[in-house]
Amino acid sequence: MPLLNKDEIYATFWLNDDFYEQNRRKGIKCAEVLVPRCVNCSYIIGAYVANTIALNNFRQISTLPVEIKGNMFF
């Protein structure tokens, strides 16, 4: 079993009738990746941003592919 479940991480809806299941899903959705030192830039292949302001700001600092996916941010 993989350590990360893409379906849960990228879920657009995490509410559930079961309070504990909803909190588990919300925790997965809100989780951060904590890196002790650095990530080599060769591992970064693109980005998602919340809106056009973020898109324009990102494009000023990077040529990586970028896509607006506002539903990922809350």
N, C-alpha and C. Protein backbone atom coordinates (compact mmCIF):
# COMPACT_ATOMS: atom_id res chain seq x y z
N MET A 1 0.84 -1.18 0.00
CA MET A 1 0.00 0.00 0.00
C MET A 1 0.89 1.25 0.00
N PRO A 2 0.60 2.21 -0.91
CA PRO A 2 1.42 3.41 -0.94
C PRO A 2 1.22 4.26 0.31
N LEU A 3 2.23 5.02 0.65
CA LEU A 3 2.15 5.90 1.82
C LEU A 3 1.18 7.05 1.60
N LEU A 4 1.08 7.52 0.36
CA LEU A 4 0.19 8.63 0.04
C LEU A 4 -0.91 8.15 -0.91
N ASN A 5 -2.14 8.50 -0.61
CA ASN A 5 -3.27 8.12 -1.44
C ASN A 5 -3.72 9.36 -2.22
N LYS A 6 -3.45 9.37 -3.52
CA LYS A 6 -3.77 10.53 -4.35
C LYS A 6 -5.25 10.87 -4.33
N ASP A 7 -6.11 9.87 -4.31
CA ASP A 7 -7.55 10.13 -4.29
C ASP A 7 -7.96 10.91 -3.05
N GLU A 8 -7.36 10.60 -1.92
CA GLU A 8 -7.67 11.31 -0.69
C GLU A 8 -7.02 12.70 -0.66
N ILE A 9 -5.81 12.79 -1.12
CA ILE A 9 -5.09 14.07 -1.11
C ILE A 9 -5.77 15.09 -2.01
N TYR A 10 -6.19 14.67 -3.19
CA TYR A 10 -6.78 15.58 -4.16
C TYR A 10 -8.31 15.57 -4.15
N ALA A 11 -8.90 15.01 -3.13
CA ALA A 11 -10.36 15.00 -3.01
C ALA A 11 -10.90 16.43 -2.98
N THR A 12 -11.98 16.66 -3.67
CA THR A 12 -12.58 18.00 -3.66
C THR A 12 -13.66 18.11 -2.59
N PHE A 13 -14.01 17.00 -1.99
CA PHE A 13 -15.06 16.98 -0.96
C PHE A 13 -14.63 16.02 0.13
N TRP A 14 -14.53 16.49 1.35
CA TRP A 14 -14.06 15.64 2.44
C TRP A 14 -15.04 15.54 3.60
N LEU A 15 -16.22 16.19 3.46
CA LEU A 15 -17.22 16.10 4.52
C LEU A 15 -17.75 14.68 4.62
N ASN A 16 -18.12 14.28 5.84
CA ASN A 16 -18.63 12.93 6.07
C ASN A 16 -19.55 12.97 7.27
N ASP A 17 -20.57 12.12 7.28
CA ASP A 17 -21.50 12.06 8.41
C ASP A 17 -20.80 11.63 9.69
N ASP A 18 -19.76 10.85 9.56
CA ASP A 18 -18.99 10.38 10.72
C ASP A 18 -17.96 11.45 11.09
N PHE A 19 -18.07 12.03 12.27
CA PHE A 19 -17.20 13.11 12.72
C PHE A 19 -15.72 12.74 12.63
N TYR A 20 -15.38 11.53 13.05
CA TYR A 20 -13.97 11.10 13.06
C TYR A 20 -13.44 10.88 11.65
N GLU A 21 -14.28 10.32 10.78
CA GLU A 21 -13.86 10.13 9.38
C GLU A 21 -13.69 11.48 8.70
N GLN A 22 -14.58 12.41 8.97
CA GLN A 22 -14.46 13.75 8.38
C GLN A 22 -13.16 14.41 8.84
N ASN A 23 -12.82 14.30 10.11
CA ASN A 23 -11.57 14.88 10.60
C ASN A 23 -10.35 14.19 10.01
N ARG A 24 -10.43 12.89 9.79
CA ARG A 24 -9.32 12.16 9.17
C ARG A 24 -9.11 12.68 7.75
N ARG A 25 -10.22 12.80 7.01
CA ARG A 25 -10.12 13.29 5.63
C ARG A 25 -9.63 14.73 5.57
N LYS A 26 -10.14 15.56 6.46
CA LYS A 26 -9.72 16.96 6.50
C LYS A 26 -8.23 17.07 6.83
N GLY A 27 -7.77 16.22 7.75
CA GLY A 27 -6.34 16.22 8.10
C GLY A 27 -5.47 15.86 6.92
N ILE A 28 -5.93 14.92 6.11
CA ILE A 28 -5.17 14.53 4.91
C ILE A 28 -5.16 15.70 3.93
N LYS A 29 -6.30 16.33 3.75
CA LYS A 29 -6.41 17.44 2.81
C LYS A 29 -5.55 18.63 3.24
N CYS A 30 -5.44 18.86 4.54
CA CYS A 30 -4.72 20.02 5.06
C CYS A 30 -3.25 19.74 5.36
N ALA A 31 -2.82 18.52 5.19
CA ALA A 31 -1.45 18.14 5.57
C ALA A 31 -0.42 18.89 4.73
N GLU A 32 0.69 19.15 5.34
CA GLU A 32 1.82 19.77 4.65
C GLU A 32 2.94 18.74 4.51
N VAL A 33 3.80 19.00 3.58
CA VAL A 33 5.01 18.20 3.46
C VAL A 33 6.12 19.01 4.12
N LEU A 34 6.70 18.44 5.15
CA LEU A 34 7.78 19.13 5.86
C LEU A 34 9.12 18.53 5.42
N VAL A 35 9.98 19.39 4.92
CA VAL A 35 11.27 18.97 4.39
C VAL A 35 12.36 19.52 5.31
N PRO A 36 13.24 18.66 5.83
CA PRO A 36 14.23 19.13 6.81
C PRO A 36 15.26 20.11 6.23
N ARG A 37 15.63 19.98 4.98
CA ARG A 37 16.65 20.88 4.43
C ARG A 37 16.18 21.53 3.13
N CYS A 38 16.14 20.78 2.06
CA CYS A 38 15.70 21.36 0.78
C CYS A 38 15.23 20.26 -0.17
N VAL A 39 14.53 20.66 -1.19
CA VAL A 39 14.11 19.77 -2.26
C VAL A 39 14.81 20.24 -3.52
N ASN A 40 15.50 19.34 -4.18
CA ASN A 40 16.17 19.70 -5.42
C ASN A 40 15.12 20.17 -6.42
N CYS A 41 15.37 21.28 -7.07
CA CYS A 41 14.38 21.86 -7.98
C CYS A 41 14.03 20.93 -9.14
N SER A 42 14.85 19.96 -9.44
CA SER A 42 14.54 19.03 -10.53
C SER A 42 13.33 18.15 -10.22
N TYR A 43 12.95 18.07 -8.94
CA TYR A 43 11.79 17.29 -8.55
C TYR A 43 10.47 18.08 -8.69
N ILE A 44 10.57 19.37 -8.86
CA ILE A 44 9.37 20.20 -8.98
C ILE A 44 9.02 20.34 -10.45
N ILE A 45 7.83 19.86 -10.81
CA ILE A 45 7.45 19.83 -12.22
C ILE A 45 6.36 20.82 -12.59
N GLY A 46 5.80 21.51 -11.61
CA GLY A 46 4.76 22.48 -11.88
C GLY A 46 4.09 22.91 -10.59
N ALA A 47 3.04 23.72 -10.75
CA ALA A 47 2.36 24.24 -9.56
C ALA A 47 0.88 24.47 -9.83
N TYR A 48 0.11 24.43 -8.76
CA TYR A 48 -1.28 24.85 -8.77
C TYR A 48 -1.36 26.13 -7.95
N VAL A 49 -2.16 27.07 -8.41
CA VAL A 49 -2.36 28.32 -7.67
C VAL A 49 -3.85 28.57 -7.51
N ALA A 50 -4.19 29.49 -6.60
CA ALA A 50 -5.60 29.71 -6.25
C ALA A 50 -6.34 30.63 -7.22
N ASN A 51 -5.63 31.57 -7.85
CA ASN A 51 -6.34 32.56 -8.67
C ASN A 51 -5.38 33.24 -9.64
N THR A 52 -5.91 34.19 -10.40
CA THR A 52 -5.07 34.85 -11.42
C THR A 52 -3.97 35.72 -10.81
N ILE A 53 -4.22 36.29 -9.64
CA ILE A 53 -3.17 37.07 -8.98
C ILE A 53 -1.98 36.17 -8.66
N ALA A 54 -2.27 35.01 -8.08
CA ALA A 54 -1.19 34.06 -7.77
C ALA A 54 -0.54 33.54 -9.05
N LEU A 55 -1.33 33.33 -10.08
CA LEU A 55 -0.80 32.88 -11.37
C LEU A 55 0.20 33.89 -11.92
N ASN A 56 -0.17 35.15 -11.93
CA ASN A 56 0.73 36.20 -12.43
C ASN A 56 1.98 36.31 -11.58
N ASN A 57 1.84 36.22 -10.27
CA ASN A 57 3.01 36.27 -9.39
C ASN A 57 3.94 35.09 -9.63
N PHE A 58 3.36 33.91 -9.80
CA PHE A 58 4.16 32.71 -10.04
C PHE A 58 4.93 32.84 -11.35
N ARG A 59 4.25 33.33 -12.37
CA ARG A 59 4.89 33.45 -13.69
C ARG A 59 6.04 34.46 -13.69
N GLN A 60 6.04 35.38 -12.73
CA GLN A 60 7.15 36.33 -12.62
C GLN A 60 8.42 35.68 -12.08
N ILE A 61 8.27 34.56 -11.38
CA ILE A 61 9.44 33.93 -10.76
C ILE A 61 9.79 32.56 -11.33
N SER A 62 8.93 32.03 -12.22
CA SER A 62 9.18 30.68 -12.71
C SER A 62 8.63 30.48 -14.11
N THR A 63 9.28 29.56 -14.84
CA THR A 63 8.79 29.16 -16.16
C THR A 63 8.13 27.78 -16.11
N LEU A 64 7.98 27.24 -14.91
CA LEU A 64 7.33 25.93 -14.77
C LEU A 64 5.86 26.01 -15.17
N PRO A 65 5.29 24.89 -15.60
CA PRO A 65 3.85 24.88 -15.87
C PRO A 65 3.07 25.22 -14.60
N VAL A 66 2.02 26.02 -14.77
CA VAL A 66 1.20 26.43 -13.62
C VAL A 66 -0.26 26.43 -14.05
N GLU A 67 -1.12 26.04 -13.12
CA GLU A 67 -2.55 25.93 -13.42
C GLU A 67 -3.35 26.47 -12.24
N ILE A 68 -4.41 27.21 -12.56
CA ILE A 68 -5.31 27.68 -11.51
C ILE A 68 -6.23 26.54 -11.11
N LYS A 69 -6.23 26.23 -9.83
CA LYS A 69 -7.13 25.22 -9.26
C LYS A 69 -7.61 25.76 -7.91
N GLY A 70 -8.47 26.73 -7.97
CA GLY A 70 -8.94 27.41 -6.78
C GLY A 70 -9.59 26.51 -5.77
N ASN A 71 -10.20 25.40 -6.23
CA ASN A 71 -10.88 24.48 -5.29
C ASN A 71 -9.90 23.73 -4.40
N MET A 72 -8.62 23.79 -4.71
CA MET A 72 -7.62 23.14 -3.85
C MET A 72 -7.29 23.98 -2.62
N PHE A 73 -7.66 25.24 -2.67
CA PHE A 73 -7.31 26.18 -1.60
C PHE A 73 -8.57 26.62 -0.89
N PHE A 74 -8.49 26.66 0.44
CA PHE A 74 -9.68 27.04 1.20
C PHE A 74 -9.29 27.80 2.43
